[in-house]
Amino acid sequence: MSEPEDDINKSTEIRHLLRTVKTALELAIVARAPADLINRLGRASGLLDAVSQLPLDGGPAHAMTTGLINDARAAVDTWKRWEKGRTPAA
């Protein structure tokens, strides 16, 4: 796969992940999740939003993308675990 295609795929991945993180953040706020979890989701949301506005073909945005995606996914996973632990089983 060529670099421009990689950038397009990464850009699409960032946009989809941003929507997931924003939704998790909203739900975490409403559920009164711990402040550290809300802050982690908020940080990931803000950074994903900023990076999504920048070119990914080089520079600082490109350099931080992989780590940011991993951090955002981990924050969403932490939210899901926290939420599942609070949801009564049927």
Protein backbone atom coordinates (compact mmCIF):
# COMPACT_ATOMS: atom_id res chain seq x y z
CA MET A 1 0.00 0.00 0.00
CA SER A 2 1.33 3.44 -0.83
CA GLU A 3 1.83 6.26 1.65
CA PRO A 4 -1.09 8.42 0.42
CA GLU A 5 -3.43 5.44 0.91
CA ASP A 6 -1.97 4.88 4.38
CA ASP A 7 -2.65 8.53 5.22
CA ILE A 8 -6.25 8.25 3.95
CA ASN A 9 -6.83 5.08 5.97
CA LYS A 10 -5.26 6.64 9.07
CA SER A 11 -7.36 9.77 8.61
CA THR A 12 -10.54 7.69 8.31
CA GLU A 13 -9.55 5.67 11.36
CA ILE A 14 -9.01 8.86 13.34
CA ARG A 15 -12.42 10.27 12.36
CA HIS A 16 -14.24 7.06 13.32
CA LEU A 17 -12.33 6.77 16.58
CA LEU A 18 -13.06 10.42 17.36
CA ARG A 19 -16.80 9.76 17.11
CA THR A 20 -16.46 6.73 19.38
CA VAL A 21 -14.43 8.67 21.95
CA LYS A 22 -16.85 11.62 21.94
CA THR A 23 -19.79 9.29 22.50
CA ALA A 24 -17.97 7.52 25.33
CA LEU A 25 -17.11 10.89 26.87
CA GLU A 26 -20.71 12.08 26.77
CA LEU A 27 -21.95 8.83 28.31
CA ALA A 28 -19.22 8.92 30.96
CA ILE A 29 -20.21 12.44 31.97
CA VAL A 30 -23.89 11.52 32.23
CA ALA A 31 -23.03 8.34 34.17
CA ARG A 32 -20.84 10.33 36.55
CA ALA A 33 -17.81 8.22 35.82
CA PRO A 34 -14.64 8.91 37.81
CA ALA A 35 -12.98 12.21 36.95
CA ASP A 36 -9.77 10.54 35.80
CA LEU A 37 -11.70 8.48 33.22
CA ILE A 38 -13.61 11.54 32.00
CA ASN A 39 -10.36 13.51 31.76
CA ARG A 40 -8.68 10.70 29.84
CA LEU A 41 -11.55 10.52 27.34
CA GLY A 42 -11.60 14.31 27.07
CA ARG A 43 -7.88 14.46 26.39
CA ALA A 44 -8.15 11.77 23.71
CA SER A 45 -11.13 13.53 22.14
CA GLY A 46 -9.39 16.89 22.00
CA LEU A 47 -6.16 15.51 20.58
CA LEU A 48 -7.95 13.36 18.00
CA ASP A 49 -9.98 16.38 16.94
CA ALA A 50 -6.86 18.52 16.57
CA VAL A 51 -4.90 15.84 14.68
CA SER A 52 -7.86 15.20 12.37
CA GLN A 53 -7.54 18.81 11.16
CA LEU A 54 -3.85 18.50 10.27
CA PRO A 55 -2.11 16.79 7.35
CA LEU A 56 -0.83 13.35 8.28
CA ASP A 57 1.83 13.15 5.56
CA GLY A 58 4.56 14.24 7.93
CA GLY A 59 5.36 16.47 10.85
CA PRO A 60 4.16 16.39 14.44
CA ALA A 61 0.65 15.08 13.68
CA HIS A 62 2.08 12.12 11.81
CA ALA A 63 4.60 11.39 14.55
CA MET A 64 2.01 11.23 17.32
CA THR A 65 -0.81 9.46 15.47
CA THR A 66 -0.05 5.84 16.39
CA GLY A 67 0.38 6.55 20.09
CA LEU A 68 -2.71 8.74 20.14
CA ILE A 69 -4.85 6.06 18.49
CA ASN A 70 -3.61 3.49 21.01
CA ASP A 71 -4.31 5.84 23.95
CA ALA A 72 -7.80 6.65 22.64
CA ARG A 73 -8.67 2.97 22.16
CA ALA A 74 -7.41 2.17 25.66
CA ALA A 75 -9.52 5.01 27.12
CA VAL A 76 -12.64 3.69 25.36
CA ASP A 77 -11.87 0.16 26.58
CA THR A 78 -11.50 1.47 30.13
CA TRP A 79 -14.85 3.26 29.79
CA LYS A 80 -16.54 0.08 28.52
CA ARG A 81 -15.17 -1.94 31.44
CA TRP A 82 -16.28 0.70 33.94
CA GLU A 83 -19.73 0.94 32.36
CA LYS A 84 -20.14 -2.85 32.23
CA GLY A 85 -19.24 -3.10 35.91
CA ARG A 86 -22.04 -0.69 36.77
CA THR A 87 -24.70 -2.17 34.48
CA PRO A 88 -27.00 -4.62 36.28
CA ALA A 89 -27.17 -8.06 34.69
CA ALA A 90 -30.59 -9.06 33.41
